[in-house]
Each structure stands twice: as structure tokens, then as C-alpha cells.
Amino acid sequence: MKSFLSSIEEKVLLYDGSKGVMLQKKGLKGNEASESWNLSKPDEVKNLYSLYKNAGSDVIQTNTFPGNRITLDKHSLGDKTYQLNFEGVKLAKEVAGDNTYVAASVGPTGMILEPAGDLSFDKAYSIFKEQLRAIEDAGADVVNFETFTDLNELRAAILAAKETTSLPIIASATFNDNSRTLSGNSAEVCALVCESLGVAVVGANCSGGPDSLLEPIKKMHLVASIPLSVKANAGMPVLLNGEAVYKQEPDQFSSYTKEFVENGVRLIGGCCGTTPEFISAIKKELDGIKAPNLDMKSGSTITSAFNYLVLSKDKEYAVEELSFKENTTVNLLKNGDFYNLLQGYKTANMDYLLIDFSNMNESFDVGGFISTISFLIKKPLIIKCESIEILDKFLRYYPGKVGVVLSDNTKIPLSQLKHYGALILNDELEPITI
């Protein structure tokens, strides 16, 4: 069998549908962790995988979505995190055989990242790392991070996968009616940041029915050069007798298939409420659709967590500069007075903010500075910095795609800049290819 990456470059692959709704029909209770069935009722889980394979799925997704230690601890299963994830993948591999790919499903932690919440970036990273080790050990073909509502938590997951495994990565977020995540990240920014970090596929899932994901997918298609994925719900659920019921029919659901494929989707399936009948309906639609070639978009892009900018040498930009060559700004930075340092900048009037750390080597709270600047400055950033420590931390924790000016004094390795998806610029702030 060809690799997952080779196959998705050639054609549209058919994903599967929901796991939770199907297992509930088999007796899974509301207070049970669905992953527990990977150990207690493996035959039921394998049967579910088989139903989707028989419906035509090219890719089976594992029953491991909220299988991280934080979520499993709520069910007193945290000490079985590795085993539950390993078995979820192993059961899928037994069903998949030699002609179906296994995508390990990994969802968010369920906690809110700092500064809005209590979860640190490094803690999120370690939580994903634990789950990912089991997934790779069990032989998954690809990892699918899905239903993320915070781009920076998704970044933590992607970096954990890059630095822990050799698995190809699918990165998928869920969006509101304005094509933004719950944290305010736009669909375009999600696509650009994830692509810059080297994921194989980026996309959208959950939200509402397929109509709710058309706009986010179209926005991603405008900026992304990699394949897109989409997994919508079976419409919006309604409560009947205290139970969430999805009323959309398979034929109505699958009628959006052609438009998704025309907008860059190479991996399509279903999320909450969908069943093998939905997958069969999509398969019928796909049989008559030829996927267009993927378009290469401009790579000269920088982003904040909320906005993006395509840099061009033919345009003039409104630029604000924050320099740390003077004692006043350096002291504010060292003292952690980030609000006063940044409050005077009018983001509405700038295209990007240029931060010049120069050869500064004074210690300061880099994480706190990043949290504040991410919140107050919603336009993209370009950085000049000679300190490896400052630049490495900034690129690791900043929830966007940063432009980095490469000068003779830049000491950080190019491989590290590329690892974090930075856009490398020359002294004239023009994008350069290394």
C-alpha cells in the first residue's frame, strides 16, 4: 500500500464517521469514557471500525479522541492512558489490513491555555506527548488533531508530534459562524500557521452541518498549498427526550461533497452524528468527481493569532517599531511592565509590528511578554534578535507565524527557524529562500 502522503496527493480519500454516537447505540453510557471500550469491549470497537471500512472508508479513525490523561483522569483512567490509546490503534490496524489507513484521533485537553486559563503551553505539550507515544508505538499511519478551538493548543500538539514521532500530521479546528475558533483564530491563520509547521493536511471539523464548514474551507483554500480535510456534523442536534438527535439525512449531507473537493479538500468524512450510511453516500458522490490539482500559494506570509499579511516587495506597509536599544523600553521589559510597554500601539493603523531586540541579553519573562503581546497586538510580528534563547522561546510560544530578520549576527540555526515555521527575511525585510 502507498503511503498516506502519496495517496492524498493523488486523489480524494474517504474518511469515516462518528464513534461516540455509534457506540452509544451499543450501550455506551454518558458518564463512560468511550476509550474504555478499547479494553473492556474490543469486539464492539472492531465491529464499528469494520462498518466504516465496509462503507468505503479509505481512512479509519481510532477511538481515542479525548484519550489524554487530563480527560481520562476524570474517569479514573489516567493511569491507563498509554494502554487505552495503544489498544485503540491496534484494534483499528487489525481491521484496516493492507488497504486502509489508520488515523489516530487526538482531541484537545479540555482545559484553557494561559493567560485565559490555567494550562501552560509546556503542560499541554507533555500531555499530548504521552498520548502520541502510544499511538506511534501501536503503528498508526497518521495522527489527526481535531476539534481544536485554540490555535496555540493545536500548535503545542503539532510540536509534540514533530518532536516525539515521525507520523504525518492532520490538523483540524472547529469554527463558529464567522469562520473563527472559540479563541478568535481565523480559518486562514489556522491554515497558514499549521502549514508553516509542516503538517500534511489542515482542515475543519465538527461545528455544524456541512454548510457551516464551507466558508472556513474556502478561506483555507485561498491561502493553503497543502491538502484540506473536512468532517462536518450531521447538522445541528436537537434535544428529544433529553437525547441529542441529529436529523440530517445522508443524501443531504453528501450533496456538499463536490463543492468541498473543488475547494481543496482531499480528505472528507463525517463527525458527530454521522454513521456508515453517511460515508456510503459520500462515496457515491466521490465516484463521479475528479480532484483538481493543488495550487501553490504565496509562502511570504506572516500572521498573528488573528490576522495574516502577505508580504510583497512591491507594496509599502504601515509599520510600528518596538526597539529595545534604549533603557526606557528595556527596563519596562525587565520589570515585566508589558502593558505599559505595549498599550500605546494602535494596531488598527499598522500592517505589522517590528520588534528589535538587537543584541539584548538581559533576562526577562519571555512567556509573559508573549502572552501580553499576543493579546494586545493582533497584527503580525517581525523580529530582529541576536539571542538564541529569546528567539527560540518567542518562536516556540508565539501563536502565529513570525517573520525573522536573518542578519550576520543571527545566531539561531536555520533549521530551528524552519522548525517553528518562521518566515526568513533579509535586512530589507524581504522574504528569502534558504
Protein backbone atom coordinates (compact mmCIF):
# COMPACT_ATOMS: atom_id res chain seq x y z
CA MET A 1 0.00 0.00 0.00
CA LYS A 2 1.23 3.50 -0.83
CA SER A 3 1.98 5.85 1.99
CA PHE A 4 -0.79 8.09 3.25
CA LEU A 5 1.07 11.14 1.95
CA SER A 6 1.41 9.68 -1.54
CA SER A 7 -2.25 8.70 -1.72
CA ILE A 8 -3.65 12.04 -0.61
CA GLU A 9 -1.52 13.84 -3.20
CA GLU A 10 -3.14 11.74 -5.92
CA LYS A 11 -6.82 11.62 -5.00
CA VAL A 12 -9.55 12.41 -2.50
CA LEU A 13 -9.55 9.94 0.38
CA LEU A 14 -12.72 8.96 2.18
CA TYR A 15 -12.65 9.26 5.95
CA ASP A 16 -15.08 7.57 8.33
CA GLY A 17 -17.79 8.94 10.63
CA SER A 18 -18.52 9.36 14.31
CA LYS A 19 -17.58 6.88 17.00
CA GLY A 20 -19.39 8.15 20.09
CA VAL A 21 -22.92 8.12 18.65
CA MET A 22 -22.42 4.64 17.23
CA LEU A 23 -21.04 3.26 20.48
CA GLN A 24 -23.90 4.85 22.41
CA LYS A 25 -26.27 2.82 20.27
CA LYS A 26 -24.39 -0.23 21.53
CA GLY A 27 -24.79 0.76 25.16
CA LEU A 28 -22.02 3.28 25.90
CA LYS A 29 -23.28 5.42 28.79
CA GLY A 30 -22.98 9.19 29.05
CA ASN A 31 -20.63 9.01 32.01
CA GLU A 32 -18.36 6.42 30.39
CA ALA A 33 -15.14 7.16 28.55
CA SER A 34 -15.55 5.71 25.07
CA GLU A 35 -11.84 4.80 25.09
CA SER A 36 -12.50 2.37 27.95
CA TRP A 37 -14.21 0.09 25.45
CA ASN A 38 -10.86 -0.41 23.70
CA LEU A 39 -10.08 -2.67 26.66
CA SER A 40 -13.46 -3.75 28.02
CA LYS A 41 -15.33 -4.31 24.74
CA PRO A 42 -12.73 -4.59 21.96
CA ASP A 43 -15.04 -6.61 19.68
CA GLU A 44 -17.60 -3.79 19.66
CA VAL A 45 -14.91 -1.28 18.74
CA LYS A 46 -13.53 -3.53 16.00
CA ASN A 47 -17.02 -4.08 14.65
CA LEU A 48 -17.51 -0.32 14.42
CA TYR A 49 -14.23 0.07 12.53
CA SER A 50 -15.37 -2.71 10.19
CA LEU A 51 -18.69 -0.99 9.47
CA TYR A 52 -16.86 2.09 8.25
CA LYS A 53 -14.36 0.08 6.23
CA ASN A 54 -17.20 -1.80 4.56
CA ALA A 55 -18.92 1.52 3.85
CA GLY A 56 -15.92 2.53 1.76
CA SER A 57 -13.61 4.42 4.13
CA ASP A 58 -10.02 4.73 2.93
CA VAL A 59 -9.05 6.01 6.37
CA ILE A 60 -10.31 4.69 9.72
CA GLN A 61 -10.02 6.96 12.71
CA THR A 62 -9.30 5.46 16.11
CA ASN A 63 -11.50 5.52 19.19
CA THR A 64 -9.00 7.70 21.07
CA PHE A 65 -10.29 11.28 20.58
CA PRO A 66 -10.31 12.51 24.21
CA GLY A 67 -7.76 9.92 25.27
CA ASN A 68 -5.40 12.28 27.05
CA ARG A 69 -4.51 11.97 30.72
CA ILE A 70 -6.47 15.06 31.79
CA THR A 71 -9.72 13.74 30.34
CA LEU A 72 -9.12 10.14 31.36
CA ASP A 73 -8.34 11.20 34.95
CA LYS A 74 -11.95 12.38 35.19
CA HIS A 75 -12.96 8.75 34.69
CA SER A 76 -10.22 7.40 36.99
CA LEU A 77 -8.44 6.01 33.93
CA GLY A 78 -5.42 8.29 33.77
CA ASP A 79 -3.01 5.51 34.68
CA LYS A 80 -4.22 3.60 31.59
CA THR A 81 -3.58 6.43 29.12
CA TYR A 82 -0.90 4.54 27.20
CA GLN A 83 -2.77 1.24 27.15
CA LEU A 84 -6.12 2.72 26.04
CA ASN A 85 -4.53 4.64 23.17
CA PHE A 86 -2.32 1.73 22.14
CA GLU A 87 -5.27 -0.64 22.00
CA GLY A 88 -7.46 1.86 20.13
CA VAL A 89 -4.89 1.98 17.34
CA LYS A 90 -4.09 -1.74 17.49
CA LEU A 91 -7.75 -2.70 17.03
CA ALA A 92 -8.03 -0.37 14.04
CA LYS A 93 -4.89 -1.85 12.47
CA GLU A 94 -6.34 -5.34 12.80
CA VAL A 95 -9.41 -4.24 10.85
CA ALA A 96 -7.64 -1.99 8.33
CA GLY A 97 -5.47 -4.67 6.79
CA ASP A 98 -3.31 -3.68 3.84
CA ASN A 99 -5.71 -1.37 2.03
CA THR A 100 -6.95 1.09 4.67
CA TYR A 101 -5.07 3.76 6.60
CA VAL A 102 -5.37 4.24 10.35
CA ALA A 103 -5.53 7.81 11.63
CA ALA A 104 -5.12 8.21 15.37
CA SER A 105 -7.64 10.72 16.69
CA VAL A 106 -6.31 13.22 19.25
CA GLY A 107 -8.53 15.96 20.63
CA PRO A 108 -7.81 18.97 22.85
CA THR A 109 -7.15 18.62 26.56
CA GLY A 110 -10.43 20.25 27.56
CA MET A 111 -8.55 22.93 29.51
CA ILE A 112 -7.92 26.56 28.58
CA LEU A 113 -4.40 27.76 27.89
CA GLU A 114 -2.77 30.60 29.76
CA PRO A 115 -3.33 33.51 30.17
CA ALA A 116 -7.10 32.95 29.95
CA GLY A 117 -6.87 29.60 31.74
CA ASP A 118 -4.57 27.51 33.91
CA LEU A 119 -2.96 25.24 31.30
CA SER A 120 0.58 26.15 30.29
CA PHE A 121 1.89 25.52 26.79
CA ASP A 122 4.55 23.16 28.15
CA LYS A 123 2.00 21.18 30.17
CA ALA A 124 -0.23 20.78 27.11
CA TYR A 125 2.82 19.66 25.14
CA SER A 126 3.67 16.96 27.71
CA ILE A 127 0.08 15.71 27.79
CA PHE A 128 -0.02 15.29 24.01
CA LYS A 129 3.44 13.72 24.04
CA GLU A 130 2.26 10.94 26.36
CA GLN A 131 -0.68 10.08 24.12
CA LEU A 132 1.40 10.29 20.93
CA ARG A 133 3.97 7.78 22.11
CA ALA A 134 1.30 5.12 22.47
CA ILE A 135 -0.20 5.99 19.11
CA GLU A 136 3.06 5.65 17.22
CA ASP A 137 4.10 2.51 19.09
CA ALA A 138 0.83 0.86 18.03
CA GLY A 139 1.53 1.57 14.35
CA ALA A 140 -0.80 4.41 13.34
CA ASP A 141 -0.27 5.71 9.79
CA VAL A 142 -1.09 9.32 10.63
CA VAL A 143 -2.21 11.41 13.61
CA ASN A 144 -5.29 13.60 13.36
CA PHE A 145 -5.52 16.51 15.79
CA GLU A 146 -9.16 17.56 15.58
CA THR A 147 -11.87 19.80 17.06
CA PHE A 148 -9.34 22.29 18.45
CA THR A 149 -10.69 25.69 19.47
CA ASP A 150 -7.36 27.34 20.33
CA LEU A 151 -4.62 27.60 17.72
CA ASN A 152 -1.87 27.70 20.32
CA GLU A 153 -3.03 24.45 21.91
CA LEU A 154 -3.05 22.97 18.41
CA ARG A 155 0.50 24.27 17.95
CA ALA A 156 1.54 22.52 21.18
CA ALA A 157 0.07 19.28 19.83
CA ILE A 158 1.78 19.66 16.44
CA LEU A 159 5.16 20.35 18.02
CA ALA A 160 4.72 17.36 20.31
CA ALA A 161 4.06 15.18 17.26
CA LYS A 162 7.02 16.62 15.32
CA GLU A 163 9.40 16.23 18.23
CA THR A 164 8.12 12.87 19.51
CA THR A 165 7.07 10.89 16.42
CA SER A 166 7.66 10.53 12.70
CA LEU A 167 3.93 10.48 11.94
CA PRO A 168 2.34 12.65 9.23
CA ILE A 169 0.01 15.20 10.82
CA ILE A 170 -3.56 16.28 10.12
CA ALA A 171 -4.52 19.46 11.97
CA SER A 172 -8.19 20.38 12.22
CA ALA A 173 -10.02 23.12 14.09
CA THR A 174 -13.68 23.86 14.70
CA PHE A 175 -15.19 27.22 13.78
CA ASN A 176 -18.14 29.49 14.53
CA ASP A 177 -20.35 31.33 12.04
CA ASN A 178 -17.59 33.91 11.48
CA SER A 179 -15.05 31.25 10.48
CA ARG A 180 -13.13 31.79 13.70
CA THR A 181 -12.33 29.45 16.53
CA LEU A 182 -13.63 30.00 20.03
CA SER A 183 -10.30 31.73 20.75
CA GLY A 184 -10.74 34.07 17.78
CA ASN A 185 -8.29 32.45 15.36
CA SER A 186 -9.38 32.89 11.74
CA ALA A 187 -9.57 29.94 9.37
CA GLU A 188 -6.85 31.48 7.18
CA VAL A 189 -4.48 31.93 10.12
CA CYS A 190 -5.07 28.35 11.28
CA ALA A 191 -4.23 27.08 7.79
CA LEU A 192 -1.12 29.25 7.41
CA VAL A 193 0.32 28.50 10.84
CA CYS A 194 -0.29 24.77 10.63
CA GLU A 195 1.17 24.58 7.13
CA SER A 196 4.25 26.54 8.23
CA LEU A 197 4.80 23.95 10.98
CA GLY A 198 4.88 21.18 8.39
CA VAL A 199 1.55 19.40 8.77
CA ALA A 200 0.48 17.23 5.84
CA VAL A 201 -3.20 18.22 5.91
CA VAL A 202 -5.11 21.08 7.53
CA GLY A 203 -8.85 21.41 7.83
CA ALA A 204 -12.09 21.92 9.71
CA ASN A 205 -14.38 19.56 11.56
CA CYS A 206 -17.39 19.39 13.86
CA SER A 207 -19.01 22.88 14.11
CA GLY A 208 -22.41 22.27 12.48
CA GLY A 209 -23.55 20.60 9.27
CA PRO A 210 -21.53 20.69 6.05
CA ASP A 211 -22.99 24.09 5.15
CA SER A 212 -21.31 25.55 8.28
CA LEU A 213 -17.86 24.40 7.13
CA LEU A 214 -17.99 25.60 3.53
CA GLU A 215 -16.84 29.12 4.40
CA PRO A 216 -13.91 28.07 6.64
CA ILE A 217 -12.76 25.61 3.97
CA LYS A 218 -12.99 28.25 1.24
CA LYS A 219 -10.95 30.66 3.36
CA MET A 220 -8.32 27.98 4.00
CA HIS A 221 -8.21 27.16 0.30
CA LEU A 222 -7.34 30.78 -0.52
CA VAL A 223 -4.08 30.60 1.44
CA ALA A 224 -3.07 26.93 1.84
CA SER A 225 -0.90 24.94 -0.54
CA ILE A 226 -1.47 21.59 1.16
CA PRO A 227 -4.49 19.25 1.05
CA LEU A 228 -7.51 20.14 3.17
CA SER A 229 -9.73 17.89 5.27
CA VAL A 230 -13.35 18.33 6.29
CA LYS A 231 -15.57 16.37 8.66
CA ALA A 232 -18.89 18.03 9.38
CA ASN A 233 -21.60 17.02 11.83
CA ALA A 234 -24.89 15.57 10.64
CA GLY A 235 -26.45 19.01 11.04
CA MET A 236 -27.17 20.68 14.37
CA PRO A 237 -28.58 18.32 17.00
CA VAL A 238 -31.96 18.78 18.66
CA LEU A 239 -32.89 17.53 22.12
CA LEU A 240 -35.56 14.81 22.14
CA ASN A 241 -36.35 13.23 25.48
CA GLY A 242 -33.07 14.51 26.84
CA GLU A 243 -31.05 12.98 23.99
CA ALA A 244 -29.18 14.83 21.24
CA VAL A 245 -30.61 13.73 17.88
CA TYR A 246 -29.07 14.57 14.50
CA LYS A 247 -31.73 14.87 11.82
CA GLN A 248 -29.76 15.48 8.63
CA GLU A 249 -30.08 12.68 6.09
CA PRO A 250 -27.07 11.09 4.35
CA ASP A 251 -28.03 12.30 0.86
CA GLN A 252 -28.39 15.89 2.05
CA PHE A 253 -25.09 15.66 3.89
CA SER A 254 -23.20 14.25 0.91
CA SER A 255 -24.59 16.83 -1.53
CA TYR A 256 -21.82 19.23 -0.43
CA THR A 257 -19.05 16.83 -1.46
CA LYS A 258 -18.36 18.30 -4.91
CA GLU A 259 -18.05 21.86 -3.60
CA PHE A 260 -15.67 20.75 -0.85
CA VAL A 261 -13.44 18.94 -3.35
CA GLU A 262 -13.44 21.97 -5.67
CA ASN A 263 -12.07 23.97 -2.74
CA GLY A 264 -9.05 21.84 -1.98
CA VAL A 265 -10.47 19.03 0.17
CA ARG A 266 -8.61 15.75 -0.27
CA LEU A 267 -9.87 14.03 2.89
CA ILE A 268 -13.60 14.01 3.60
CA GLY A 269 -15.77 12.24 6.14
CA GLY A 270 -18.20 12.87 8.96
CA CYS A 271 -18.09 13.99 12.57
CA CYS A 272 -20.78 13.96 15.28
CA GLY A 273 -23.98 12.15 14.35
CA THR A 274 -22.72 10.63 11.11
CA THR A 275 -22.93 6.88 10.50
CA PRO A 276 -21.68 4.37 7.90
CA GLU A 277 -24.70 5.36 5.76
CA PHE A 278 -23.29 8.89 5.52
CA ILE A 279 -19.91 7.53 4.41
CA SER A 280 -21.56 5.37 1.74
CA ALA A 281 -23.42 8.43 0.47
CA ILE A 282 -20.18 10.44 0.22
CA LYS A 283 -18.53 7.54 -1.62
CA LYS A 284 -21.24 7.63 -4.28
CA GLU A 285 -20.62 11.35 -4.78
CA LEU A 286 -16.84 10.90 -4.96
CA ASP A 287 -17.11 8.27 -7.69
CA GLY A 288 -18.01 10.98 -10.19
CA ILE A 289 -15.61 13.70 -9.01
CA LYS A 290 -12.05 14.35 -10.17
CA ALA A 291 -9.94 16.30 -7.71
CA PRO A 292 -8.32 19.45 -9.13
CA ASN A 293 -4.58 19.92 -8.78
CA LEU A 294 -3.35 21.60 -5.62
CA ASP A 295 -2.31 25.24 -6.13
CA MET A 296 0.87 26.68 -4.68
CA LYS A 297 0.05 29.83 -2.74
CA SER A 298 2.44 32.55 -1.61
CA GLY A 299 4.73 31.43 1.19
CA SER A 300 5.68 35.02 2.02
CA THR A 301 3.13 35.30 4.79
CA ILE A 302 3.27 36.29 8.45
CA THR A 303 0.46 36.01 10.96
CA SER A 304 -0.61 36.83 14.46
CA ALA A 305 -3.12 34.50 16.10
CA PHE A 306 -5.88 36.54 14.47
CA ASN A 307 -4.70 38.18 11.22
CA TYR A 308 -2.35 37.47 8.35
CA LEU A 309 -0.31 39.52 5.89
CA VAL A 310 1.21 38.51 2.56
CA LEU A 311 4.50 40.38 2.18
CA SER A 312 5.42 41.77 -1.21
CA LYS A 313 8.39 43.91 -2.27
CA ASP A 314 6.02 45.95 -4.46
CA LYS A 315 3.95 47.22 -1.54
CA GLU A 316 4.53 49.76 1.19
CA TYR A 317 3.39 48.86 4.67
CA ALA A 318 2.35 50.82 7.72
CA VAL A 319 4.89 49.69 10.30
CA GLU A 320 5.21 50.38 14.01
CA GLU A 321 8.53 49.61 15.70
CA LEU A 322 9.32 48.46 19.22
CA SER A 323 13.04 48.76 19.89
CA PHE A 324 14.99 47.57 22.89
CA LYS A 325 18.05 49.69 22.21
CA GLU A 326 17.04 52.25 24.83
CA ASN A 327 16.97 51.95 28.62
CA THR A 328 13.33 53.00 28.92
CA THR A 329 11.91 50.09 26.93
CA VAL A 330 14.50 47.64 28.28
CA ASN A 331 13.60 48.49 31.87
CA LEU A 332 9.87 48.09 31.21
CA LEU A 333 10.60 44.69 29.67
CA LYS A 334 12.89 43.55 32.52
CA ASN A 335 10.36 44.68 35.13
CA GLY A 336 7.51 42.82 33.44
CA ASP A 337 5.54 46.02 32.79
CA PHE A 338 4.37 44.69 29.45
CA TYR A 339 1.05 46.51 29.37
CA ASN A 340 2.61 49.96 29.61
CA LEU A 341 5.24 48.88 27.12
CA LEU A 342 2.63 47.96 24.51
CA GLN A 343 -0.51 49.95 25.22
CA GLY A 344 0.47 52.92 23.04
CA TYR A 345 0.48 50.94 19.81
CA LYS A 346 -2.58 51.44 17.60
CA THR A 347 -2.98 48.13 15.80
CA ALA A 348 -5.72 49.47 13.56
CA ASN A 349 -3.17 51.71 11.84
CA MET A 350 -0.38 49.19 11.32
CA ASP A 351 0.21 46.26 9.00
CA TYR A 352 2.79 44.67 11.28
CA LEU A 353 4.90 45.42 14.35
CA LEU A 354 8.69 45.26 14.04
CA ILE A 355 10.36 44.21 17.31
CA ASP A 356 14.07 44.86 17.51
CA PHE A 357 15.73 43.00 20.39
CA SER A 358 19.09 43.65 18.72
CA ASN A 359 21.91 42.24 20.92
CA MET A 360 19.91 42.48 24.13
CA ASN A 361 20.84 39.74 26.60
CA GLU A 362 19.03 40.88 29.75
CA SER A 363 16.76 38.25 31.26
CA PHE A 364 13.00 38.82 31.30
CA ASP A 365 9.77 36.85 31.41
CA VAL A 366 9.58 35.86 27.73
CA GLY A 367 6.40 33.82 28.26
CA GLY A 368 4.62 36.69 29.98
CA PHE A 369 5.69 39.09 27.26
CA ILE A 370 4.39 36.75 24.55
CA SER A 371 1.04 36.33 26.33
CA THR A 372 0.61 40.10 26.62
CA ILE A 373 1.69 40.95 23.10
CA SER A 374 -0.49 38.19 21.66
CA PHE A 375 -3.49 39.70 23.41
CA LEU A 376 -2.80 43.40 22.77
CA ILE A 377 -1.21 43.32 19.31
CA LYS A 378 -3.45 41.46 16.91
CA LYS A 379 -1.35 42.24 13.84
CA PRO A 380 1.62 40.08 12.71
CA LEU A 381 5.16 40.50 14.03
CA ILE A 382 8.63 40.71 12.52
CA ILE A 383 11.58 40.20 14.86
CA LYS A 384 15.24 41.19 14.85
CA CYS A 385 17.11 39.29 17.53
CA GLU A 386 20.64 38.03 18.12
CA SER A 387 19.84 35.98 21.25
CA ILE A 388 19.24 32.30 20.58
CA GLU A 389 17.37 31.91 23.87
CA ILE A 390 14.96 34.81 23.30
CA LEU A 391 14.28 33.95 19.68
CA ASP A 392 13.80 30.23 20.34
CA LYS A 393 11.28 30.90 23.11
CA PHE A 394 9.46 33.51 21.08
CA LEU A 395 9.07 31.22 18.08
CA ARG A 396 8.02 28.28 20.24
CA TYR A 397 5.33 30.01 22.26
CA TYR A 398 4.02 32.76 19.98
CA PRO A 399 0.64 31.67 18.50
CA GLY A 400 1.36 32.79 14.94
CA LYS A 401 3.87 32.71 12.09
CA VAL A 402 6.66 35.20 12.84
CA GLY A 403 8.92 36.96 10.36
CA VAL A 404 12.59 36.74 11.42
CA VAL A 405 15.26 39.02 10.00
CA LEU A 406 18.32 36.97 9.14
CA SER A 407 21.47 39.04 9.62
CA ASP A 408 25.14 38.28 10.06
CA ASN A 409 24.59 38.41 13.82
CA THR A 410 21.67 35.95 13.89
CA LYS A 411 22.99 33.03 15.92
CA ILE A 412 19.99 30.68 15.92
CA PRO A 413 20.34 27.78 13.43
CA LEU A 414 18.29 27.99 10.25
CA SER A 415 16.91 24.54 10.99
CA GLN A 416 15.41 25.92 14.19
CA LEU A 417 13.77 28.82 12.34
CA LYS A 418 12.23 26.40 9.86
CA HIS A 419 11.18 24.02 12.64
CA TYR A 420 8.93 26.72 14.06
CA GLY A 421 7.65 27.80 10.65
CA ALA A 422 9.22 31.28 10.71
CA LEU A 423 9.35 33.37 7.55
CA ILE A 424 13.00 34.27 6.99
CA LEU A 425 13.69 37.82 5.82
CA ASN A 426 16.76 39.78 4.75
CA ASP A 427 17.80 43.14 6.18
CA GLU A 428 15.45 44.88 3.73
CA LEU A 429 12.61 42.81 5.22
CA GLU A 430 12.17 40.88 2.00
CA PRO A 431 11.44 37.11 2.13
CA ILE A 432 14.43 34.94 1.22
CA THR A 433 14.70 31.26 0.39
CA ILE A 434 17.33 29.25 2.22
